[in-house]
Amino acid sequence: MDVTDALFHGFIALQSRGLFALPGELRRRYGLDKPGAQVEITERPDGVLEVRPQAAVPATQAWFWAEEWQQREREATADLQGGRFTDHDSADAFLTDLDS
């Protein structure tokens, strides 16, 4: 990405322990001003450090984001898009279909 394509470009000073603060504009835009907000950092081979905002996931919902569950979600979506489902008009019709 060229700097001219960036939504934000600026410099951030590092403090003595390696800490830095993101500008308030960016914190608000990406929800990083909320308690528990996190960023993911990736070091690329070309020396670029990528920082990505990450939404905090409540512990009670962490199961949904597990890879196994996400794979099942992708399979269910593919089944729906492929028309591989049965629509029931009532609970009785659903239970009857289960028995057959």
PDB file of N, CA and C in Angstrom:
ATOM      1  N   MET A   1       0.843  -1.172   0.000  1.00  0.00           N
ATOM      2  CA  MET A   1       0.000   0.000   0.000  1.00  0.00           C
ATOM      3  C   MET A   1       0.884   1.230   0.000  1.00  0.00           C
ATOM      4  N   ASP A   2       0.567   2.147  -0.826  1.00  0.00           N
ATOM      5  CA  ASP A   2       1.270   3.426  -0.891  1.00  0.00           C
ATOM      6  C   ASP A   2       0.697   4.355   0.180  1.00  0.00           C
ATOM      7  N   VAL A   3       1.537   5.197   0.761  1.00  0.00           N
ATOM      8  CA  VAL A   3       1.087   6.132   1.802  1.00  0.00           C
ATOM      9  C   VAL A   3      -0.063   6.993   1.303  1.00  0.00           C
ATOM     10  N   THR A   4      -0.082   7.316   0.012  1.00  0.00           N
ATOM     11  CA  THR A   4      -1.152   8.154  -0.531  1.00  0.00           C
ATOM     12  C   THR A   4      -2.495   7.429  -0.523  1.00  0.00           C
ATOM     13  N   ASP A   5      -2.499   6.088  -0.400  1.00  0.00           N
ATOM     14  CA  ASP A   5      -3.731   5.307  -0.338  1.00  0.00           C
ATOM     15  C   ASP A   5      -4.249   5.157   1.092  1.00  0.00           C
ATOM     16  N   ALA A   6      -3.453   5.541   2.068  1.00  0.00           N
ATOM     17  CA  ALA A   6      -3.787   5.319   3.466  1.00  0.00           C
ATOM     18  C   ALA A   6      -4.885   6.270   3.933  1.00  0.00           C
ATOM     19  N   LEU A   7      -5.763   5.765   4.824  1.00  0.00           N
ATOM     20  CA  LEU A   7      -6.759   6.615   5.459  1.00  0.00           C
ATOM     21  C   LEU A   7      -6.105   7.468   6.536  1.00  0.00           C
ATOM     22  N   PHE A   8      -5.080   6.933   7.156  1.00  0.00           N
ATOM     23  CA  PHE A   8      -4.355   7.640   8.205  1.00  0.00           C
ATOM     24  C   PHE A   8      -2.877   7.378   8.011  1.00  0.00           C
ATOM     25  N   HIS A   9      -2.080   8.412   8.172  1.00  0.00           N
ATOM     26  CA  HIS A   9      -0.635   8.254   8.148  1.00  0.00           C
ATOM     27  C   HIS A   9      -0.062   9.205   9.172  1.00  0.00           C
ATOM     28  N   GLY A  10       0.810   8.712  10.004  1.00  0.00           N
ATOM     29  CA  GLY A  10       1.411   9.562  11.013  1.00  0.00           C
ATOM     30  C   GLY A  10       2.537   8.821  11.702  1.00  0.00           C
ATOM     31  N   PHE A  11       3.122   9.466  12.687  1.00  0.00           N
ATOM     32  CA  PHE A  11       4.212   8.869  13.446  1.00  0.00           C
ATOM     33  C   PHE A  11       3.811   8.800  14.911  1.00  0.00           C
ATOM     34  N   ILE A  12       4.254   7.741  15.575  1.00  0.00           N
ATOM     35  CA  ILE A  12       3.956   7.527  16.984  1.00  0.00           C
ATOM     36  C   ILE A  12       5.277   7.344  17.713  1.00  0.00           C
ATOM     37  N   ALA A  13       5.470   8.071  18.786  1.00  0.00           N
ATOM     38  CA  ALA A  13       6.702   7.945  19.577  1.00  0.00           C
ATOM     39  C   ALA A  13       6.580   6.769  20.543  1.00  0.00           C
ATOM     40  N   LEU A  14       7.641   5.992  20.634  1.00  0.00           N
ATOM     41  CA  LEU A  14       7.692   4.895  21.594  1.00  0.00           C
ATOM     42  C   LEU A  14       8.160   5.426  22.937  1.00  0.00           C
ATOM     43  N   GLN A  15       7.543   4.939  23.988  1.00  0.00           N
ATOM     44  CA  GLN A  15       7.978   5.301  25.331  1.00  0.00           C
ATOM     45  C   GLN A  15       9.100   4.354  25.754  1.00  0.00           C
ATOM     46  N   SER A  16       9.663   4.587  26.907  1.00  0.00           N
ATOM     47  CA  SER A  16      10.859   3.849  27.334  1.00  0.00           C
ATOM     48  C   SER A  16      10.651   2.332  27.398  1.00  0.00           C
ATOM     49  N   ARG A  17       9.479   1.864  27.739  1.00  0.00           N
ATOM     50  CA  ARG A  17       9.255   0.412  27.831  1.00  0.00           C
ATOM     51  C   ARG A  17       8.687  -0.166  26.535  1.00  0.00           C
ATOM     52  N   GLY A  18       8.768   0.575  25.461  1.00  0.00           N
ATOM     53  CA  GLY A  18       8.269   0.091  24.176  1.00  0.00           C
ATOM     54  C   GLY A  18       6.783   0.318  23.981  1.00  0.00           C
ATOM     55  N   LEU A  19       6.170   1.069  24.863  1.00  0.00           N
ATOM     56  CA  LEU A  19       4.740   1.350  24.756  1.00  0.00           C
ATOM     57  C   LEU A  19       4.492   2.504  23.793  1.00  0.00           C
ATOM     58  N   PHE A  20       3.344   2.460  23.138  1.00  0.00           N
ATOM     59  CA  PHE A  20       2.925   3.596  22.323  1.00  0.00           C
ATOM     60  C   PHE A  20       1.415   3.702  22.379  1.00  0.00           C
ATOM     61  N   ALA A  21       0.913   4.865  22.117  1.00  0.00           N
ATOM     62  CA  ALA A  21      -0.527   5.105  22.117  1.00  0.00           C
ATOM     63  C   ALA A  21      -0.982   5.391  20.691  1.00  0.00           C
ATOM     64  N   LEU A  22      -2.033   4.701  20.279  1.00  0.00           N
ATOM     65  CA  LEU A  22      -2.630   4.986  18.979  1.00  0.00           C
ATOM     66  C   LEU A  22      -3.398   6.301  19.074  1.00  0.00           C
ATOM     67  N   PRO A  23      -3.415   7.075  18.025  1.00  0.00           N
ATOM     68  CA  PRO A  23      -4.189   8.320  18.045  1.00  0.00           C
ATOM     69  C   PRO A  23      -5.667   8.044  18.347  1.00  0.00           C
ATOM     70  N   GLY A  24      -6.282   8.947  19.084  1.00  0.00           N
ATOM     71  CA  GLY A  24      -7.681   8.792  19.487  1.00  0.00           C
ATOM     72  C   GLY A  24      -8.615   8.542  18.319  1.00  0.00           C
ATOM     73  N   GLU A  25      -8.362   9.211  17.201  1.00  0.00           N
ATOM     74  CA  GLU A  25      -9.184   9.035  15.990  1.00  0.00           C
ATOM     75  C   GLU A  25      -9.231   7.563  15.573  1.00  0.00           C
ATOM     76  N   LEU A  26      -8.084   6.895  15.589  1.00  0.00           N
ATOM     77  CA  LEU A  26      -8.028   5.484  15.199  1.00  0.00           C
ATOM     78  C   LEU A  26      -8.655   4.591  16.259  1.00  0.00           C
ATOM     79  N   ARG A  27      -8.405   4.898  17.534  1.00  0.00           N
ATOM     80  CA  ARG A  27      -8.987   4.091  18.614  1.00  0.00           C
ATOM     81  C   ARG A  27     -10.506   4.112  18.515  1.00  0.00           C
ATOM     82  N   ARG A  28     -11.084   5.279  18.289  1.00  0.00           N
ATOM     83  CA  ARG A  28     -12.546   5.378  18.182  1.00  0.00           C
ATOM     84  C   ARG A  28     -13.060   4.676  16.928  1.00  0.00           C
ATOM     85  N   ARG A  29     -12.399   4.882  15.796  1.00  0.00           N
ATOM     86  CA  ARG A  29     -12.852   4.304  14.524  1.00  0.00           C
ATOM     87  C   ARG A  29     -12.918   2.784  14.584  1.00  0.00           C
ATOM     88  N   TYR A  30     -11.964   2.159  15.277  1.00  0.00           N
ATOM     89  CA  TYR A  30     -11.879   0.698  15.303  1.00  0.00           C
ATOM     90  C   TYR A  30     -12.332   0.083  16.620  1.00  0.00           C
ATOM     91  N   GLY A  31     -12.975   0.870  17.467  1.00  0.00           N
ATOM     92  CA  GLY A  31     -13.506   0.334  18.717  1.00  0.00           C
ATOM     93  C   GLY A  31     -12.436  -0.032  19.725  1.00  0.00           C
ATOM     94  N   LEU A  32     -11.250   0.539  19.575  1.00  0.00           N
ATOM     95  CA  LEU A  32     -10.151   0.221  20.483  1.00  0.00           C
ATOM     96  C   LEU A  32     -10.182   1.093  21.737  1.00  0.00           C
ATOM     97  N   ASP A  33     -11.199   1.927  21.856  1.00  0.00           N
ATOM     98  CA  ASP A  33     -11.358   2.750  23.042  1.00  0.00           C
ATOM     99  C   ASP A  33     -12.253   2.076  24.075  1.00  0.00           C
ATOM    100  N   LYS A  34     -12.637   0.833  23.823  1.00  0.00           N
ATOM    101  CA  LYS A  34     -13.493   0.074  24.726  1.00  0.00           C
ATOM    102  C   LYS A  34     -12.644  -0.800  25.650  1.00  0.00           C
ATOM    103  N   PRO A  35     -13.124  -1.051  26.869  1.00  0.00           N
ATOM    104  CA  PRO A  35     -12.375  -1.914  27.786  1.00  0.00           C
ATOM    105  C   PRO A  35     -12.144  -3.297  27.180  1.00  0.00           C
ATOM    106  N   GLY A  36     -10.956  -3.822  27.341  1.00  0.00           N
ATOM    107  CA  GLY A  36     -10.625  -5.160  26.840  1.00  0.00           C
ATOM    108  C   GLY A  36     -10.273  -5.214  25.366  1.00  0.00           C
ATOM    109  N   ALA A  37     -10.281  -4.078  24.690  1.00  0.00           N
ATOM    110  CA  ALA A  37      -9.950  -4.066  23.259  1.00  0.00           C
ATOM    111  C   ALA A  37      -8.515  -4.556  23.065  1.00  0.00           C
ATOM    112  N   GLN A  38      -8.299  -5.257  21.980  1.00  0.00           N
ATOM    113  CA  GLN A  38      -6.976  -5.813  21.692  1.00  0.00           C
ATOM    114  C   GLN A  38      -6.582  -5.522  20.252  1.00  0.00           C
ATOM    115  N   VAL A  39      -5.293  -5.585  19.991  1.00  0.00           N
ATOM    116  CA  VAL A  39      -4.787  -5.526  18.630  1.00  0.00           C
ATOM    117  C   VAL A  39      -3.931  -6.762  18.395  1.00  0.00           C
ATOM    118  N   GLU A  40      -3.933  -7.215  17.163  1.00  0.00           N
ATOM    119  CA  GLU A  40      -3.072  -8.325  16.740  1.00  0.00           C
ATOM    120  C   GLU A  40      -1.884  -7.707  16.017  1.00  0.00           C
ATOM    121  N   ILE A  41      -0.689  -8.192  16.304  1.00  0.00           N
ATOM    122  CA  ILE A  41       0.493  -7.675  15.615  1.00  0.00           C
ATOM    123  C   ILE A  41       1.187  -8.830  14.905  1.00  0.00           C
ATOM    124  N   THR A  42       1.565  -8.590  13.656  1.00  0.00           N
ATOM    125  CA  THR A  42       2.243  -9.590  12.838  1.00  0.00           C
ATOM    126  C   THR A  42       3.502  -8.979  12.262  1.00  0.00           C
ATOM    127  N   GLU A  43       4.616  -9.676  12.428  1.00  0.00           N
ATOM    128  CA  GLU A  43       5.875  -9.238  11.828  1.00  0.00           C
ATOM    129  C   GLU A  43       6.039  -9.954  10.501  1.00  0.00           C
ATOM    130  N   ARG A  44       6.126  -9.194   9.420  1.00  0.00           N
ATOM    131  CA  ARG A  44       6.304  -9.780   8.096  1.00  0.00           C
ATOM    132  C   ARG A  44       7.793  -9.887   7.771  1.00  0.00           C
ATOM    133  N   PRO A  45       8.149 -10.801   6.865  1.00  0.00           N
ATOM    134  CA  PRO A  45       9.558 -10.978   6.488  1.00  0.00           C
ATOM    135  C   PRO A  45      10.189  -9.718   5.900  1.00  0.00           C
ATOM    136  N   ASP A  46       9.351  -8.826   5.315  1.00  0.00           N
ATOM    137  CA  ASP A  46       9.902  -7.608   4.714  1.00  0.00           C
ATOM    138  C   ASP A  46      10.096  -6.484   5.733  1.00  0.00           C
ATOM    139  N   GLY A  47       9.931  -6.795   7.028  1.00  0.00           N
ATOM    140  CA  GLY A  47      10.170  -5.821   8.078  1.00  0.00           C
ATOM    141  C   GLY A  47       8.971  -4.968   8.449  1.00  0.00           C
ATOM    142  N   VAL A  48       7.846  -5.194   7.812  1.00  0.00           N
ATOM    143  CA  VAL A  48       6.643  -4.432   8.120  1.00  0.00           C
ATOM    144  C   VAL A  48       5.957  -5.054   9.336  1.00  0.00           C
ATOM    145  N   LEU A  49       5.538  -4.207  10.263  1.00  0.00           N
ATOM    146  CA  LEU A  49       4.737  -4.645  11.407  1.00  0.00           C
ATOM    147  C   LEU A  49       3.288  -4.290  11.117  1.00  0.00           C
ATOM    148  N   GLU A  50       2.440  -5.303  11.044  1.00  0.00           N
ATOM    149  CA  GLU A  50       1.014  -5.074  10.784  1.00  0.00           C
ATOM    150  C   GLU A  50       0.280  -5.107  12.122  1.00  0.00           C
ATOM    151  N   VAL A  51      -0.545  -4.131  12.351  1.00  0.00           N
ATOM    152  CA  VAL A  51      -1.339  -4.059  13.572  1.00  0.00           C
ATOM    153  C   VAL A  51      -2.801  -4.064  13.151  1.00  0.00           C
ATOM    154  N   ARG A  52      -3.571  -5.038  13.658  1.00  0.00           N
ATOM    155  CA  ARG A  52      -4.982  -5.173  13.294  1.00  0.00           C
ATOM    156  C   ARG A  52      -5.844  -5.107  14.543  1.00  0.00           C
ATOM    157  N   PRO A  53      -6.896  -4.305  14.516  1.00  0.00           N
ATOM    158  CA  PRO A  53      -7.810  -4.278  15.663  1.00  0.00           C
ATOM    159  C   PRO A  53      -8.554  -5.601  15.769  1.00  0.00           C
ATOM    160  N   GLN A  54      -8.770  -6.042  16.997  1.00  0.00           N
ATOM    161  CA  GLN A  54      -9.499  -7.284  17.240  1.00  0.00           C
ATOM    162  C   GLN A  54     -10.600  -7.007  18.256  1.00  0.00           C
ATOM    163  N   ALA A  55     -11.779  -7.471  17.961  1.00  0.00           N
ATOM    164  CA  ALA A  55     -12.891  -7.309  18.897  1.00  0.00           C
ATOM    165  C   ALA A  55     -12.719  -8.290  20.045  1.00  0.00           C
ATOM    166  N   ALA A  56     -12.926  -7.807  21.244  1.00  0.00           N
ATOM    167  CA  ALA A  56     -12.868  -8.685  22.405  1.00  0.00           C
ATOM    168  C   ALA A  56     -14.082  -9.612  22.375  1.00  0.00           C
ATOM    169  N   VAL A  57     -13.879 -10.883  22.661  1.00  0.00           N
ATOM    170  CA  VAL A  57     -14.953 -11.868  22.663  1.00  0.00           C
ATOM    171  C   VAL A  57     -15.218 -12.266  24.118  1.00  0.00           C
ATOM    172  N   PRO A  58     -16.452 -12.082  24.577  1.00  0.00           N
ATOM    173  CA  PRO A  58     -16.762 -12.520  25.939  1.00  0.00           C
ATOM    174  C   PRO A  58     -16.512 -14.014  26.091  1.00  0.00           C
ATOM    175  N   ALA A  59     -16.026 -14.422  27.259  1.00  0.00           N
ATOM    176  CA  ALA A  59     -15.688 -15.827  27.495  1.00  0.00           C
ATOM    177  C   ALA A  59     -16.873 -16.748  27.231  1.00  0.00           C
ATOM    178  N   THR A  60     -18.094 -16.279  27.485  1.00  0.00           N
ATOM    179  CA  THR A  60     -19.282 -17.118  27.275  1.00  0.00           C
ATOM    180  C   THR A  60     -19.583 -17.353  25.804  1.00  0.00           C
ATOM    181  N   GLN A  61     -18.921 -16.588  24.907  1.00  0.00           N
ATOM    182  CA  GLN A  61     -19.157 -16.748  23.472  1.00  0.00           C
ATOM    183  C   GLN A  61     -17.931 -17.272  22.727  1.00  0.00           C
ATOM    184  N   ALA A  62     -16.861 -17.585  23.449  1.00  0.00           N
ATOM    185  CA  ALA A  62     -15.615 -18.011  22.814  1.00  0.00           C
ATOM    186  C   ALA A  62     -15.786 -19.304  22.011  1.00  0.00           C
ATOM    187  N   TRP A  63     -16.675 -20.189  22.459  1.00  0.00           N
ATOM    188  CA  TRP A  63     -16.896 -21.455  21.754  1.00  0.00           C
ATOM    189  C   TRP A  63     -17.269 -21.221  20.295  1.00  0.00           C
ATOM    190  N   PHE A  64     -18.040 -20.170  20.025  1.00  0.00           N
ATOM    191  CA  PHE A  64     -18.506 -19.909  18.663  1.00  0.00           C
ATOM    192  C   PHE A  64     -17.355 -19.622  17.716  1.00  0.00           C
ATOM    193  N   TRP A  65     -16.261 -19.064  18.244  1.00  0.00           N
ATOM    194  CA  TRP A  65     -15.139 -18.664  17.404  1.00  0.00           C
ATOM    195  C   TRP A  65     -14.058 -19.737  17.312  1.00  0.00           C
ATOM    196  N   ALA A  66     -14.269 -20.880  17.963  1.00  0.00           N
ATOM    197  CA  ALA A  66     -13.326 -21.997  17.847  1.00  0.00           C
ATOM    198  C   ALA A  66     -13.319 -22.484  16.395  1.00  0.00           C
ATOM    199  N   GLU A  67     -12.174 -22.912  15.905  1.00  0.00           N
ATOM    200  CA  GLU A  67     -12.046 -23.308  14.495  1.00  0.00           C
ATOM    201  C   GLU A  67     -13.028 -24.418  14.125  1.00  0.00           C
ATOM    202  N   GLU A  68     -13.204 -25.404  15.000  1.00  0.00           N
ATOM    203  CA  GLU A  68     -14.129 -26.511  14.706  1.00  0.00           C
ATOM    204  C   GLU A  68     -15.553 -25.989  14.494  1.00  0.00           C
ATOM    205  N   TRP A  69     -15.989 -25.064  15.370  1.00  0.00           N
ATOM    206  CA  TRP A  69     -17.343 -24.527  15.226  1.00  0.00           C
ATOM    207  C   TRP A  69     -17.454 -23.671  13.968  1.00  0.00           C
ATOM    208  N   GLN A  70     -16.437 -22.877  13.669  1.00  0.00           N
ATOM    209  CA  GLN A  70     -16.459 -22.045  12.472  1.00  0.00           C
ATOM    210  C   GLN A  70     -16.508 -22.905  11.208  1.00  0.00           C
ATOM    211  N   GLN A  71     -15.840 -24.060  11.220  1.00  0.00           N
ATOM    212  CA  GLN A  71     -15.907 -24.978  10.081  1.00  0.00           C
ATOM    213  C   GLN A  71     -17.336 -25.473   9.895  1.00  0.00           C
ATOM    214  N   ARG A  72     -17.992 -25.812  10.990  1.00  0.00           N
ATOM    215  CA  ARG A  72     -19.394 -26.260  10.916  1.00  0.00           C
ATOM    216  C   ARG A  72     -20.300 -25.137  10.401  1.00  0.00           C
ATOM    217  N   GLU A  73     -20.020 -23.905  10.817  1.00  0.00           N
ATOM    218  CA  GLU A  73     -20.800 -22.766  10.320  1.00  0.00           C
ATOM    219  C   GLU A  73     -20.627 -22.615   8.810  1.00  0.00           C
ATOM    220  N   ARG A  74     -19.391 -22.780   8.318  1.00  0.00           N
ATOM    221  CA  ARG A  74     -19.140 -22.680   6.872  1.00  0.00           C
ATOM    222  C   ARG A  74     -19.870 -23.795   6.123  1.00  0.00           C
ATOM    223  N   GLU A  75     -19.881 -25.008   6.691  1.00  0.00           N
ATOM    224  CA  GLU A  75     -20.584 -26.127   6.055  1.00  0.00           C
ATOM    225  C   GLU A  75     -22.092 -25.867   6.014  1.00  0.00           C
ATOM    226  N   ALA A  76     -22.647 -25.341   7.107  1.00  0.00           N
ATOM    227  CA  ALA A  76     -24.080 -25.043   7.149  1.00  0.00           C
ATOM    228  C   ALA A  76     -24.439 -23.972   6.131  1.00  0.00           C
ATOM    229  N   THR A  77     -23.613 -22.954   6.018  1.00  0.00           N
ATOM    230  CA  THR A  77     -23.855 -21.894   5.036  1.00  0.00           C
ATOM    231  C   THR A  77     -23.817 -22.457   3.622  1.00  0.00           C
ATOM    232  N   ALA A  78     -22.848 -23.329   3.351  1.00  0.00           N
ATOM    233  CA  ALA A  78     -22.758 -23.948   2.013  1.00  0.00           C
ATOM    234  C   ALA A  78     -23.992 -24.799   1.737  1.00  0.00           C
ATOM    235  N   ASP A  79     -24.481 -25.528   2.743  1.00  0.00           N
ATOM    236  CA  ASP A  79     -25.692 -26.334   2.564  1.00  0.00           C
ATOM    237  C   ASP A  79     -26.894 -25.447   2.252  1.00  0.00           C
ATOM    238  N   LEU A  80     -27.035 -24.350   2.988  1.00  0.00           N
ATOM    239  CA  LEU A  80     -28.146 -23.436   2.726  1.00  0.00           C
ATOM    240  C   LEU A  80     -28.057 -22.857   1.318  1.00  0.00           C
ATOM    241  N   GLN A  81     -26.869 -22.402   0.933  1.00  0.00           N
ATOM    242  CA  GLN A  81     -26.687 -21.815  -0.391  1.00  0.00           C
ATOM    243  C   GLN A  81     -26.895 -22.844  -1.484  1.00  0.00           C
ATOM    244  N   GLY A  82     -26.610 -24.115  -1.196  1.00  0.00           N
ATOM    245  CA  GLY A  82     -26.779 -25.176  -2.179  1.00  0.00           C
ATOM    246  C   GLY A  82     -28.157 -25.804  -2.178  1.00  0.00           C
ATOM    247  N   GLY A  83     -29.055 -25.285  -1.328  1.00  0.00           N
ATOM    248  CA  GLY A  83     -30.417 -25.811  -1.288  1.00  0.00           C
ATOM    249  C   GLY A  83     -30.532 -27.145  -0.585  1.00  0.00           C
ATOM    250  N   ARG A  84     -29.533 -27.526   0.190  1.00  0.00           N
ATOM    251  CA  ARG A  84     -29.543 -28.812   0.886  1.00  0.00           C
ATOM    252  C   ARG A  84     -30.106 -28.648   2.303  1.00  0.00           C
ATOM    253  N   PHE A  85     -31.428 -28.428   2.363  1.00  0.00           N
ATOM    254  CA  PHE A  85     -32.093 -28.304   3.650  1.00  0.00           C
ATOM    255  C   PHE A  85     -33.573 -28.615   3.467  1.00  0.00           C
ATOM    256  N   THR A  86     -34.247 -28.877   4.573  1.00  0.00           N
ATOM    257  CA  THR A  86     -35.685 -29.116   4.558  1.00  0.00           C
ATOM    258  C   THR A  86     -36.344 -28.064   5.430  1.00  0.00           C
ATOM    259  N   ASP A  87     -37.347 -27.422   4.907  1.00  0.00           N
ATOM    260  CA  ASP A  87     -38.083 -26.391   5.633  1.00  0.00           C
ATOM    261  C   ASP A  87     -39.345 -27.026   6.210  1.00  0.00           C
ATOM    262  N   HIS A  88     -39.611 -26.854   7.505  1.00  0.00           N
ATOM    263  CA  HIS A  88     -40.789 -27.417   8.159  1.00  0.00           C
ATOM    264  C   HIS A  88     -41.743 -26.308   8.561  1.00  0.00           C
ATOM    265  N   ASP A  89     -43.042 -26.565   8.368  1.00  0.00           N
ATOM    266  CA  ASP A  89     -44.063 -25.580   8.715  1.00  0.00           C
ATOM    267  C   ASP A  89     -44.419 -25.589  10.191  1.00  0.00           C
ATOM    268  N   SER A  90     -44.096 -26.684  10.873  1.00  0.00           N
ATOM    269  CA  SER A  90     -44.455 -26.786  12.283  1.00  0.00           C
ATOM    270  C   SER A  90     -43.483 -27.726  12.996  1.00  0.00           C
ATOM    271  N   ALA A  91     -43.527 -27.664  14.316  1.00  0.00           N
ATOM    272  CA  ALA A  91     -42.695 -28.570  15.122  1.00  0.00           C
ATOM    273  C   ALA A  91     -43.118 -30.014  14.885  1.00  0.00           C
ATOM    274  N   ASP A  92     -44.431 -30.239  14.719  1.00  0.00           N
ATOM    275  CA  ASP A  92     -44.914 -31.603  14.465  1.00  0.00           C
ATOM    276  C   ASP A  92     -44.346 -32.148  13.154  1.00  0.00           C
ATOM    277  N   ALA A  93     -44.322 -31.317  12.118  1.00  0.00           N
ATOM    278  CA  ALA A  93     -43.764 -31.753  10.831  1.00  0.00           C
ATOM    279  C   ALA A  93     -42.279 -32.064  10.982  1.00  0.00           C
ATOM    280  N   PHE A  94     -41.584 -31.264  11.769  1.00  0.00           N
ATOM    281  CA  PHE A  94     -40.150 -31.505  12.020  1.00  0.00           C
ATOM    282  C   PHE A  94     -39.966 -32.840  12.731  1.00  0.00           C
ATOM    283  N   LEU A  95     -40.751 -33.091  13.786  1.00  0.00           N
ATOM    284  CA  LEU A  95     -40.621 -34.343  14.540  1.00  0.00           C
ATOM    285  C   LEU A  95     -41.001 -35.552  13.684  1.00  0.00           C
ATOM    286  N   THR A  96     -42.008 -35.410  12.854  1.00  0.00           N
ATOM    287  CA  THR A  96     -42.391 -36.491  11.941  1.00  0.00           C
ATOM    288  C   THR A  96     -41.262 -36.803  10.977  1.00  0.00           C
ATOM    289  N   ASP A  97     -40.622 -35.768  10.470  1.00  0.00           N
ATOM    290  CA  ASP A  97     -39.499 -35.939   9.537  1.00  0.00           C
ATOM    291  C   ASP A  97     -38.327 -36.641  10.227  1.00  0.00           C
ATOM    292  N   LEU A  98     -38.128 -36.352  11.507  1.00  0.00           N
ATOM    293  CA  LEU A  98     -37.056 -37.016  12.246  1.00  0.00           C
ATOM    294  C   LEU A  98     -37.326 -38.505  12.399  1.00  0.00           C
ATOM    295  N   ASP A  99     -38.571 -38.866  12.588  1.00  0.00           N
ATOM    296  CA  ASP A  99     -38.943 -40.268  12.789  1.00  0.00           C
ATOM    297  C   ASP A  99     -38.826 -41.098  11.515  1.00  0.00           C
ATOM    298  N   SER A 100     -38.858 -40.456  10.356  1.00  0.00           N
ATOM    299  CA  SER A 100     -38.831 -41.212   9.102  1.00  0.00           C
ATOM    300  C   SER A 100     -37.429 -41.510   8.622  1.00  0.00           C
TER     301      SER A 100
END
